[in-house]
């Protein structure tokens, strides 16, 4: 029997995406889908942020199953994430190659 799917909503300043993933999906699978959809290759500066059940802001662990992390869900059971800059380079002009990463 296939794992039951769940819905994910990812937002940023520039976009919104909806995905349907299976229960065994890990954070990296979702992160890679987002990066692919926006055409981002310099991924190491970014992350997916969520609110946990205690109302604390956390970063999605890419090596763990998404549903094993303590993520708060909305009333429709959709898992919400924000795609954000996680690390800022010291020198943007030297460390960032692609224009899309600098935006």
PDB file of N, CA and C in Angstrom:
ATOM      1  N   UNK A   1       0.840  -1.183   0.000  1.00  0.00           N
ATOM      2  CA  UNK A   1       0.000   0.000   0.000  1.00  0.00           C
ATOM      3  C   UNK A   1       0.885   1.247   0.000  1.00  0.00           C
ATOM      4  N   UNK A   2       0.565   2.208  -0.835  1.00  0.00           N
ATOM      5  CA  UNK A   2       1.353   3.439  -0.952  1.00  0.00           C
ATOM      6  C   UNK A   2       1.149   4.322   0.272  1.00  0.00           C
ATOM      7  N   UNK A   3       2.206   5.046   0.671  1.00  0.00           N
ATOM      8  CA  UNK A   3       2.064   5.966   1.804  1.00  0.00           C
ATOM      9  C   UNK A   3       1.026   7.044   1.498  1.00  0.00           C
ATOM     10  N   UNK A   4       0.300   7.450   2.522  1.00  0.00           N
ATOM     11  CA  UNK A   4      -0.742   8.460   2.367  1.00  0.00           C
ATOM     12  C   UNK A   4      -0.106   9.824   2.065  1.00  0.00           C
ATOM     13  N   UNK A   5      -0.616  10.529   1.060  1.00  0.00           N
ATOM     14  CA  UNK A   5      -0.050  11.840   0.727  1.00  0.00           C
ATOM     15  C   UNK A   5      -0.493  12.931   1.709  1.00  0.00           C
ATOM     16  N   UNK A   6       0.292  14.001   1.759  1.00  0.00           N
ATOM     17  CA  UNK A   6      -0.086  15.182   2.530  1.00  0.00           C
ATOM     18  C   UNK A   6       0.261  16.420   1.706  1.00  0.00           C
ATOM     19  N   UNK A   7      -0.397  17.533   2.014  1.00  0.00           N
ATOM     20  CA  UNK A   7      -0.234  18.761   1.237  1.00  0.00           C
ATOM     21  C   UNK A   7       0.704  19.733   1.938  1.00  0.00           C
ATOM     22  N   UNK A   8       1.502  20.413   1.121  1.00  0.00           N
ATOM     23  CA  UNK A   8       2.483  21.377   1.602  1.00  0.00           C
ATOM     24  C   UNK A   8       2.281  22.683   0.842  1.00  0.00           C
ATOM     25  N   UNK A   9       2.382  23.797   1.561  1.00  0.00           N
ATOM     26  CA  UNK A   9       2.306  25.127   0.948  1.00  0.00           C
ATOM     27  C   UNK A   9       3.595  25.863   1.302  1.00  0.00           C
ATOM     28  N   UNK A  10       4.311  26.335   0.281  1.00  0.00           N
ATOM     29  CA  UNK A  10       5.577  27.040   0.480  1.00  0.00           C
ATOM     30  C   UNK A  10       5.433  28.454  -0.069  1.00  0.00           C
ATOM     31  N   UNK A  11       5.810  29.443   0.750  1.00  0.00           N
ATOM     32  CA  UNK A  11       5.742  30.838   0.321  1.00  0.00           C
ATOM     33  C   UNK A  11       7.110  31.499   0.453  1.00  0.00           C
ATOM     34  N   UNK A  12       7.271  32.577  -0.293  1.00  0.00           N
ATOM     35  CA  UNK A  12       8.409  33.479  -0.140  1.00  0.00           C
ATOM     36  C   UNK A  12       7.915  34.850  -0.579  1.00  0.00           C
ATOM     37  N   UNK A  13       8.807  35.803  -0.613  1.00  0.00           N
ATOM     38  CA  UNK A  13       8.439  37.138  -1.075  1.00  0.00           C
ATOM     39  C   UNK A  13       8.033  37.106  -2.544  1.00  0.00           C
ATOM     40  N   UNK A  14       8.635  36.217  -3.311  1.00  0.00           N
ATOM     41  CA  UNK A  14       8.453  36.178  -4.761  1.00  0.00           C
ATOM     42  C   UNK A  14       7.443  35.155  -5.277  1.00  0.00           C
ATOM     43  N   UNK A  15       7.100  34.116  -4.509  1.00  0.00           N
ATOM     44  CA  UNK A  15       6.291  33.030  -5.062  1.00  0.00           C
ATOM     45  C   UNK A  15       5.508  32.294  -3.982  1.00  0.00           C
ATOM     46  N   UNK A  16       4.584  31.457  -4.461  1.00  0.00           N
ATOM     47  CA  UNK A  16       3.860  30.489  -3.627  1.00  0.00           C
ATOM     48  C   UNK A  16       3.761  29.198  -4.428  1.00  0.00           C
ATOM     49  N   UNK A  17       4.021  28.076  -3.756  1.00  0.00           N
ATOM     50  CA  UNK A  17       3.906  26.767  -4.391  1.00  0.00           C
ATOM     51  C   UNK A  17       3.113  25.837  -3.498  1.00  0.00           C
ATOM     52  N   UNK A  18       2.377  24.928  -4.135  1.00  0.00           N
ATOM     53  CA  UNK A  18       1.690  23.853  -3.423  1.00  0.00           C
ATOM     54  C   UNK A  18       2.215  22.528  -3.953  1.00  0.00           C
ATOM     55  N   UNK A  19       2.497  21.615  -3.035  1.00  0.00           N
ATOM     56  CA  UNK A  19       3.006  20.293  -3.389  1.00  0.00           C
ATOM     57  C   UNK A  19       2.204  19.237  -2.648  1.00  0.00           C
ATOM     58  N   UNK A  20       2.135  18.057  -3.228  1.00  0.00           N
ATOM     59  CA  UNK A  20       1.602  16.889  -2.541  1.00  0.00           C
ATOM     60  C   UNK A  20       2.746  15.888  -2.430  1.00  0.00           C
ATOM     61  N   UNK A  21       3.053  15.498  -1.204  1.00  0.00           N
ATOM     62  CA  UNK A  21       4.169  14.597  -0.927  1.00  0.00           C
ATOM     63  C   UNK A  21       3.656  13.357  -0.215  1.00  0.00           C
ATOM     64  N   UNK A  22       4.451  12.287  -0.232  1.00  0.00           N
ATOM     65  CA  UNK A  22       4.037  11.117   0.546  1.00  0.00           C
ATOM     66  C   UNK A  22       4.619  11.207   1.958  1.00  0.00           C
ATOM     67  N   UNK A  23       4.046  10.445   2.869  1.00  0.00           N
ATOM     68  CA  UNK A  23       4.392  10.534   4.288  1.00  0.00           C
ATOM     69  C   UNK A  23       5.855  10.236   4.583  1.00  0.00           C
ATOM     70  N   UNK A  24       6.540   9.555   3.706  1.00  0.00           N
ATOM     71  CA  UNK A  24       7.943   9.219   3.934  1.00  0.00           C
ATOM     72  C   UNK A  24       8.911  10.253   3.370  1.00  0.00           C
ATOM     73  N   UNK A  25       8.402  11.336   2.803  1.00  0.00           N
ATOM     74  CA  UNK A  25       9.268  12.348   2.198  1.00  0.00           C
ATOM     75  C   UNK A  25      10.148  13.008   3.251  1.00  0.00           C
ATOM     76  N   UNK A  26      11.413  13.211   2.866  1.00  0.00           N
ATOM     77  CA  UNK A  26      12.325  13.922   3.759  1.00  0.00           C
ATOM     78  C   UNK A  26      12.423  15.383   3.318  1.00  0.00           C
ATOM     79  N   UNK A  27      12.961  16.213   4.191  1.00  0.00           N
ATOM     80  CA  UNK A  27      13.056  17.641   3.930  1.00  0.00           C
ATOM     81  C   UNK A  27      13.781  17.981   2.642  1.00  0.00           C
ATOM     82  N   UNK A  28      14.833  17.247   2.323  1.00  0.00           N
ATOM     83  CA  UNK A  28      15.613  17.524   1.112  1.00  0.00           C
ATOM     84  C   UNK A  28      14.772  17.363  -0.147  1.00  0.00           C
ATOM     85  N   UNK A  29      13.851  16.421  -0.152  1.00  0.00           N
ATOM     86  CA  UNK A  29      13.001  16.228  -1.329  1.00  0.00           C
ATOM     87  C   UNK A  29      12.143  17.470  -1.581  1.00  0.00           C
ATOM     88  N   UNK A  30      11.563  18.023  -0.537  1.00  0.00           N
ATOM     89  CA  UNK A  30      10.762  19.238  -0.687  1.00  0.00           C
ATOM     90  C   UNK A  30      11.647  20.415  -1.075  1.00  0.00           C
ATOM     91  N   UNK A  31      12.762  20.580  -0.382  1.00  0.00           N
ATOM     92  CA  UNK A  31      13.673  21.688  -0.663  1.00  0.00           C
ATOM     93  C   UNK A  31      14.148  21.647  -2.118  1.00  0.00           C
ATOM     94  N   UNK A  32      14.499  20.472  -2.606  1.00  0.00           N
ATOM     95  CA  UNK A  32      14.953  20.329  -3.996  1.00  0.00           C
ATOM     96  C   UNK A  32      13.850  20.678  -4.991  1.00  0.00           C
ATOM     97  N   UNK A  33      12.604  20.325  -4.678  1.00  0.00           N
ATOM     98  CA  UNK A  33      11.482  20.671  -5.562  1.00  0.00           C
ATOM     99  C   UNK A  33      11.313  22.184  -5.643  1.00  0.00           C
ATOM    100  N   UNK A  34      11.414  22.855  -4.505  1.00  0.00           N
ATOM    101  CA  UNK A  34      11.283  24.315  -4.492  1.00  0.00           C
ATOM    102  C   UNK A  34      12.410  24.938  -5.311  1.00  0.00           C
ATOM    103  N   UNK A  35      13.639  24.519  -5.051  1.00  0.00           N
ATOM    104  CA  UNK A  35      14.795  25.070  -5.773  1.00  0.00           C
ATOM    105  C   UNK A  35      14.663  24.846  -7.282  1.00  0.00           C
ATOM    106  N   UNK A  36      14.195  23.677  -7.669  1.00  0.00           N
ATOM    107  CA  UNK A  36      14.015  23.375  -9.094  1.00  0.00           C
ATOM    108  C   UNK A  36      12.947  24.278  -9.714  1.00  0.00           C
ATOM    109  N   UNK A  37      11.841  24.483  -9.002  1.00  0.00           N
ATOM    110  CA  UNK A  37      10.752  25.308  -9.533  1.00  0.00           C
ATOM    111  C   UNK A  37      11.153  26.764  -9.737  1.00  0.00           C
ATOM    112  N   UNK A  38      12.066  27.277  -8.924  1.00  0.00           N
ATOM    113  CA  UNK A  38      12.477  28.673  -9.099  1.00  0.00           C
ATOM    114  C   UNK A  38      13.778  28.794  -9.892  1.00  0.00           C
ATOM    115  N   UNK A  39      14.368  27.659 -10.259  1.00  0.00           N
ATOM    116  CA  UNK A  39      15.591  27.672 -11.049  1.00  0.00           C
ATOM    117  C   UNK A  39      16.827  28.040 -10.245  1.00  0.00           C
ATOM    118  N   UNK A  40      16.838  27.697  -8.979  1.00  0.00           N
ATOM    119  CA  UNK A  40      17.940  28.045  -8.083  1.00  0.00           C
ATOM    120  C   UNK A  40      18.939  26.906  -8.002  1.00  0.00           C
ATOM    121  N   UNK A  41      20.210  27.218  -8.250  1.00  0.00           N
ATOM    122  CA  UNK A  41      21.249  26.198  -8.129  1.00  0.00           C
ATOM    123  C   UNK A  41      22.149  26.439  -6.921  1.00  0.00           C
ATOM    124  N   UNK A  42      22.288  27.689  -6.505  1.00  0.00           N
ATOM    125  CA  UNK A  42      23.113  28.009  -5.331  1.00  0.00           C
ATOM    126  C   UNK A  42      22.235  27.891  -4.083  1.00  0.00           C
ATOM    127  N   UNK A  43      21.973  26.667  -3.708  1.00  0.00           N
ATOM    128  CA  UNK A  43      20.960  26.398  -2.686  1.00  0.00           C
ATOM    129  C   UNK A  43      21.460  26.540  -1.258  1.00  0.00           C
ATOM    130  N   UNK A  44      22.758  26.542  -1.052  1.00  0.00           N
ATOM    131  CA  UNK A  44      23.317  26.450   0.298  1.00  0.00           C
ATOM    132  C   UNK A  44      23.024  27.656   1.180  1.00  0.00           C
ATOM    133  N   UNK A  45      22.535  28.770   0.631  1.00  0.00           N
ATOM    134  CA  UNK A  45      22.221  29.950   1.437  1.00  0.00           C
ATOM    135  C   UNK A  45      20.773  29.956   1.939  1.00  0.00           C
ATOM    136  N   UNK A  46      19.967  29.001   1.511  1.00  0.00           N
ATOM    137  CA  UNK A  46      18.528  29.050   1.748  1.00  0.00           C
ATOM    138  C   UNK A  46      18.031  27.893   2.605  1.00  0.00           C
ATOM    139  N   UNK A  47      16.824  28.061   3.124  1.00  0.00           N
ATOM    140  CA  UNK A  47      16.213  27.006   3.914  1.00  0.00           C
ATOM    141  C   UNK A  47      14.702  27.163   3.931  1.00  0.00           C
ATOM    142  N   UNK A  48      14.035  26.177   4.508  1.00  0.00           N
ATOM    143  CA  UNK A  48      12.585  26.204   4.677  1.00  0.00           C
ATOM    144  C   UNK A  48      12.289  26.339   6.165  1.00  0.00           C
ATOM    145  N   UNK A  49      11.564  27.374   6.503  1.00  0.00           N
ATOM    146  CA  UNK A  49      11.258  27.663   7.903  1.00  0.00           C
ATOM    147  C   UNK A  49       9.795  27.339   8.195  1.00  0.00           C
ATOM    148  N   UNK A  50       9.524  26.882   9.408  1.00  0.00           N
ATOM    149  CA  UNK A  50       8.160  26.556   9.816  1.00  0.00           C
ATOM    150  C   UNK A  50       7.945  26.940  11.278  1.00  0.00           C
ATOM    151  N   UNK A  51       6.688  26.896  11.689  1.00  0.00           N
ATOM    152  CA  UNK A  51       6.310  27.127  13.083  1.00  0.00           C
ATOM    153  C   UNK A  51       5.976  25.772  13.683  1.00  0.00           C
ATOM    154  N   UNK A  52       6.563  25.458  14.841  1.00  0.00           N
ATOM    155  CA  UNK A  52       6.275  24.158  15.458  1.00  0.00           C
ATOM    156  C   UNK A  52       5.031  24.235  16.342  1.00  0.00           C
ATOM    157  N   UNK A  53       4.672  23.127  16.959  1.00  0.00           N
ATOM    158  CA  UNK A  53       3.440  23.055  17.753  1.00  0.00           C
ATOM    159  C   UNK A  53       3.486  23.935  19.002  1.00  0.00           C
ATOM    160  N   UNK A  54       4.680  24.380  19.385  1.00  0.00           N
ATOM    161  CA  UNK A  54       4.826  25.276  20.542  1.00  0.00           C
ATOM    162  C   UNK A  54       4.931  26.734  20.097  1.00  0.00           C
ATOM    163  N   UNK A  55       4.667  26.985  18.831  1.00  0.00           N
ATOM    164  CA  UNK A  55       4.709  28.316  18.228  1.00  0.00           C
ATOM    165  C   UNK A  55       6.127  28.890  18.135  1.00  0.00           C
ATOM    166  N   UNK A  56       7.106  28.013  17.995  1.00  0.00           N
ATOM    167  CA  UNK A  56       8.504  28.402  17.863  1.00  0.00           C
ATOM    168  C   UNK A  56       8.915  28.261  16.394  1.00  0.00           C
ATOM    169  N   UNK A  57       9.654  29.244  15.898  1.00  0.00           N
ATOM    170  CA  UNK A  57      10.150  29.203  14.523  1.00  0.00           C
ATOM    171  C   UNK A  57      11.339  28.253  14.430  1.00  0.00           C
ATOM    172  N   UNK A  58      11.311  27.350  13.444  1.00  0.00           N
ATOM    173  CA  UNK A  58      12.365  26.339  13.269  1.00  0.00           C
ATOM    174  C   UNK A  58      12.706  26.206  11.788  1.00  0.00           C
ATOM    175  N   UNK A  59      13.891  25.668  11.520  1.00  0.00           N
ATOM    176  CA  UNK A  59      14.293  25.339  10.154  1.00  0.00           C
ATOM    177  C   UNK A  59      14.036  23.861   9.902  1.00  0.00           C
ATOM    178  N   UNK A  60      13.522  23.546   8.726  1.00  0.00           N
ATOM    179  CA  UNK A  60      13.282  22.162   8.347  1.00  0.00           C
ATOM    180  C   UNK A  60      14.610  21.421   8.257  1.00  0.00           C
ATOM    181  N   UNK A  61      14.681  20.273   8.896  1.00  0.00           N
ATOM    182  CA  UNK A  61      15.871  19.428   8.819  1.00  0.00           C
ATOM    183  C   UNK A  61      15.765  18.608   7.536  1.00  0.00           C
ATOM    184  N   UNK A  62      16.726  18.788   6.649  1.00  0.00           N
ATOM    185  CA  UNK A  62      16.652  18.186   5.324  1.00  0.00           C
ATOM    186  C   UNK A  62      16.858  16.684   5.329  1.00  0.00           C
ATOM    187  N   UNK A  63      17.508  16.163   6.351  1.00  0.00           N
ATOM    188  CA  UNK A  63      17.792  14.725   6.398  1.00  0.00           C
ATOM    189  C   UNK A  63      16.746  13.928   7.172  1.00  0.00           C
ATOM    190  N   UNK A  64      15.712  14.588   7.678  1.00  0.00           N
ATOM    191  CA  UNK A  64      14.661  13.926   8.465  1.00  0.00           C
ATOM    192  C   UNK A  64      13.348  13.911   7.689  1.00  0.00           C
ATOM    193  N   UNK A  65      12.487  12.951   8.016  1.00  0.00           N
ATOM    194  CA  UNK A  65      11.148  12.943   7.426  1.00  0.00           C
ATOM    195  C   UNK A  65      10.429  14.226   7.827  1.00  0.00           C
ATOM    196  N   UNK A  66       9.728  14.807   6.883  1.00  0.00           N
ATOM    197  CA  UNK A  66       9.017  16.059   7.144  1.00  0.00           C
ATOM    198  C   UNK A  66       8.002  15.875   8.264  1.00  0.00           C
ATOM    199  N   UNK A  67       7.221  14.811   8.196  1.00  0.00           N
ATOM    200  CA  UNK A  67       6.157  14.621   9.180  1.00  0.00           C
ATOM    201  C   UNK A  67       6.664  14.178  10.550  1.00  0.00           C
ATOM    202  N   UNK A  68       7.937  13.810  10.664  1.00  0.00           N
ATOM    203  CA  UNK A  68       8.476  13.458  11.979  1.00  0.00           C
ATOM    204  C   UNK A  68       8.920  14.705  12.740  1.00  0.00           C
ATOM    205  N   UNK A  69       8.953  15.845  12.053  1.00  0.00           N
ATOM    206  CA  UNK A  69       9.309  17.104  12.698  1.00  0.00           C
ATOM    207  C   UNK A  69       8.031  17.733  13.246  1.00  0.00           C
ATOM    208  N   UNK A  70       8.152  18.461  14.306  1.00  0.00           N
ATOM    209  CA  UNK A  70       6.998  18.977  15.055  1.00  0.00           C
ATOM    210  C   UNK A  70       6.400  20.214  14.379  1.00  0.00           C
ATOM    211  N   UNK A  71       5.807  20.022  13.204  1.00  0.00           N
ATOM    212  CA  UNK A  71       5.319  21.135  12.396  1.00  0.00           C
ATOM    213  C   UNK A  71       3.840  21.371  12.658  1.00  0.00           C
ATOM    214  N   UNK A  72       3.520  22.630  12.942  1.00  0.00           N
ATOM    215  CA  UNK A  72       2.126  23.025  13.134  1.00  0.00           C
ATOM    216  C   UNK A  72       1.407  22.952  11.785  1.00  0.00           C
ATOM    217  N   UNK A  73       0.155  22.516  11.795  1.00  0.00           N
ATOM    218  CA  UNK A  73      -0.632  22.447  10.555  1.00  0.00           C
ATOM    219  C   UNK A  73      -1.819  23.388  10.650  1.00  0.00           C
ATOM    220  N   UNK A  74      -2.276  23.861   9.491  1.00  0.00           N
ATOM    221  CA  UNK A  74      -3.458  24.710   9.501  1.00  0.00           C
ATOM    222  C   UNK A  74      -4.715  23.846   9.621  1.00  0.00           C
ATOM    223  N   UNK A  75      -5.874  24.477   9.615  1.00  0.00           N
ATOM    224  CA  UNK A  75      -7.128  23.736   9.825  1.00  0.00           C
ATOM    225  C   UNK A  75      -7.452  22.758   8.694  1.00  0.00           C
ATOM    226  N   UNK A  76      -6.791  22.880   7.556  1.00  0.00           N
ATOM    227  CA  UNK A  76      -6.987  21.936   6.449  1.00  0.00           C
ATOM    228  C   UNK A  76      -5.894  20.876   6.431  1.00  0.00           C
ATOM    229  N   UNK A  77      -5.079  20.834   7.484  1.00  0.00           N
ATOM    230  CA  UNK A  77      -3.970  19.882   7.621  1.00  0.00           C
ATOM    231  C   UNK A  77      -2.873  20.092   6.584  1.00  0.00           C
ATOM    232  N   UNK A  78      -2.760  21.327   6.080  1.00  0.00           N
ATOM    233  CA  UNK A  78      -1.695  21.667   5.140  1.00  0.00           C
ATOM    234  C   UNK A  78      -0.467  22.086   5.944  1.00  0.00           C
ATOM    235  N   UNK A  79       0.692  21.571   5.557  1.00  0.00           N
ATOM    236  CA  UNK A  79       1.944  21.930   6.215  1.00  0.00           C
ATOM    237  C   UNK A  79       2.488  23.183   5.525  1.00  0.00           C
ATOM    238  N   UNK A  80       2.765  24.229   6.317  1.00  0.00           N
ATOM    239  CA  UNK A  80       3.180  25.529   5.790  1.00  0.00           C
ATOM    240  C   UNK A  80       4.675  25.760   6.002  1.00  0.00           C
ATOM    241  N   UNK A  81       5.345  26.271   4.960  1.00  0.00           N
ATOM    242  CA  UNK A  81       6.758  26.630   5.050  1.00  0.00           C
ATOM    243  C   UNK A  81       6.991  27.986   4.403  1.00  0.00           C
ATOM    244  N   UNK A  82       8.061  28.639   4.844  1.00  0.00           N
ATOM    245  CA  UNK A  82       8.558  29.840   4.189  1.00  0.00           C
ATOM    246  C   UNK A  82       9.940  29.524   3.628  1.00  0.00           C
ATOM    247  N   UNK A  83      10.169  29.888   2.382  1.00  0.00           N
ATOM    248  CA  UNK A  83      11.479  29.733   1.759  1.00  0.00           C
ATOM    249  C   UNK A  83      12.229  31.033   1.993  1.00  0.00           C
ATOM    250  N   UNK A  84      13.320  30.964   2.758  1.00  0.00           N
ATOM    251  CA  UNK A  84      14.031  32.174   3.175  1.00  0.00           C
ATOM    252  C   UNK A  84      15.537  32.011   3.070  1.00  0.00           C
ATOM    253  N   UNK A  85      16.219  33.149   3.082  1.00  0.00           N
ATOM    254  CA  UNK A  85      17.674  33.142   3.189  1.00  0.00           C
ATOM    255  C   UNK A  85      18.016  32.693   4.601  1.00  0.00           C
ATOM    256  N   UNK A  86      18.878  31.714   4.685  1.00  0.00           N
ATOM    257  CA  UNK A  86      19.286  31.186   5.986  1.00  0.00           C
ATOM    258  C   UNK A  86      20.680  31.675   6.374  1.00  0.00           C
ATOM    259  N   UNK A  87      21.539  31.815   5.390  1.00  0.00           N
ATOM    260  CA  UNK A  87      22.908  32.290   5.610  1.00  0.00           C
ATOM    261  C   UNK A  87      23.193  33.421   4.632  1.00  0.00           C
ATOM    262  N   UNK A  88      23.776  34.497   5.136  1.00  0.00           N
ATOM    263  CA  UNK A  88      24.128  35.631   4.292  1.00  0.00           C
ATOM    264  C   UNK A  88      25.621  35.591   3.984  1.00  0.00           C
ATOM    265  N   UNK A  89      25.987  35.640   2.701  1.00  0.00           N
ATOM    266  CA  UNK A  89      27.412  35.646   2.360  1.00  0.00           C
ATOM    267  C   UNK A  89      28.051  36.971   2.769  1.00  0.00           C
ATOM    268  N   UNK A  90      29.332  36.929   3.106  1.00  0.00           N
ATOM    269  CA  UNK A  90      30.037  38.153   3.484  1.00  0.00           C
ATOM    270  C   UNK A  90      30.146  39.109   2.311  1.00  0.00           C
ATOM    271  N   UNK A  91      30.446  38.590   1.137  1.00  0.00           N
ATOM    272  CA  UNK A  91      30.598  39.424  -0.051  1.00  0.00           C
ATOM    273  C   UNK A  91      29.729  38.842  -1.168  1.00  0.00           C
ATOM    274  N   UNK A  92      28.573  39.443  -1.352  1.00  0.00           N
ATOM    275  CA  UNK A  92      27.597  38.935  -2.318  1.00  0.00           C
ATOM    276  C   UNK A  92      28.181  38.866  -3.726  1.00  0.00           C
ATOM    277  N   UNK A  93      28.906  39.892  -4.133  1.00  0.00           N
ATOM    278  CA  UNK A  93      29.429  39.927  -5.503  1.00  0.00           C
ATOM    279  C   UNK A  93      30.477  38.846  -5.758  1.00  0.00           C
ATOM    280  N   UNK A  94      31.168  38.404  -4.730  1.00  0.00           N
ATOM    281  CA  UNK A  94      32.197  37.373  -4.886  1.00  0.00           C
ATOM    282  C   UNK A  94      31.645  35.957  -4.727  1.00  0.00           C
ATOM    283  N   UNK A  95      30.689  35.790  -3.816  1.00  0.00           N
ATOM    284  CA  UNK A  95      30.234  34.445  -3.463  1.00  0.00           C
ATOM    285  C   UNK A  95      29.025  33.967  -4.254  1.00  0.00           C
ATOM    286  N   UNK A  96      28.255  34.883  -4.815  1.00  0.00           N
ATOM    287  CA  UNK A  96      27.064  34.497  -5.570  1.00  0.00           C
ATOM    288  C   UNK A  96      27.324  34.652  -7.060  1.00  0.00           C
ATOM    289  N   UNK A  97      27.039  33.607  -7.797  1.00  0.00           N
ATOM    290  CA  UNK A  97      27.314  33.597  -9.229  1.00  0.00           C
ATOM    291  C   UNK A  97      26.067  33.962 -10.032  1.00  0.00           C
ATOM    292  N   UNK A  98      24.944  33.349  -9.699  1.00  0.00           N
ATOM    293  CA  UNK A  98      23.718  33.532 -10.476  1.00  0.00           C
ATOM    294  C   UNK A  98      22.936  34.754 -10.005  1.00  0.00           C
ATOM    295  N   UNK A  99      22.336  35.458 -10.962  1.00  0.00           N
ATOM    296  CA  UNK A  99      21.526  36.628 -10.632  1.00  0.00           C
ATOM    297  C   UNK A  99      20.337  36.271  -9.759  1.00  0.00           C
ATOM    298  N   UNK A 100      19.711  35.116 -10.012  1.00  0.00           N
ATOM    299  CA  UNK A 100      18.521  34.732  -9.246  1.00  0.00           C
ATOM    300  C   UNK A 100      18.836  34.583  -7.759  1.00  0.00           C
ATOM    301  N   UNK A 101      20.048  34.189  -7.423  1.00  0.00           N
ATOM    302  CA  UNK A 101      20.432  34.036  -6.027  1.00  0.00           C
ATOM    303  C   UNK A 101      20.568  35.394  -5.360  1.00  0.00           C
ATOM    304  N   UNK A 102      20.979  36.400  -6.098  1.00  0.00           N
ATOM    305  CA  UNK A 102      21.197  37.726  -5.538  1.00  0.00           C
ATOM    306  C   UNK A 102      19.904  38.484  -5.313  1.00  0.00           C
ATOM    307  N   UNK A 103      18.813  38.057  -5.932  1.00  0.00           N
ATOM    308  CA  UNK A 103      17.535  38.758  -5.812  1.00  0.00           C
ATOM    309  C   UNK A 103      16.930  38.565  -4.496  1.00  0.00           C
TER     310      UNK A 103
END
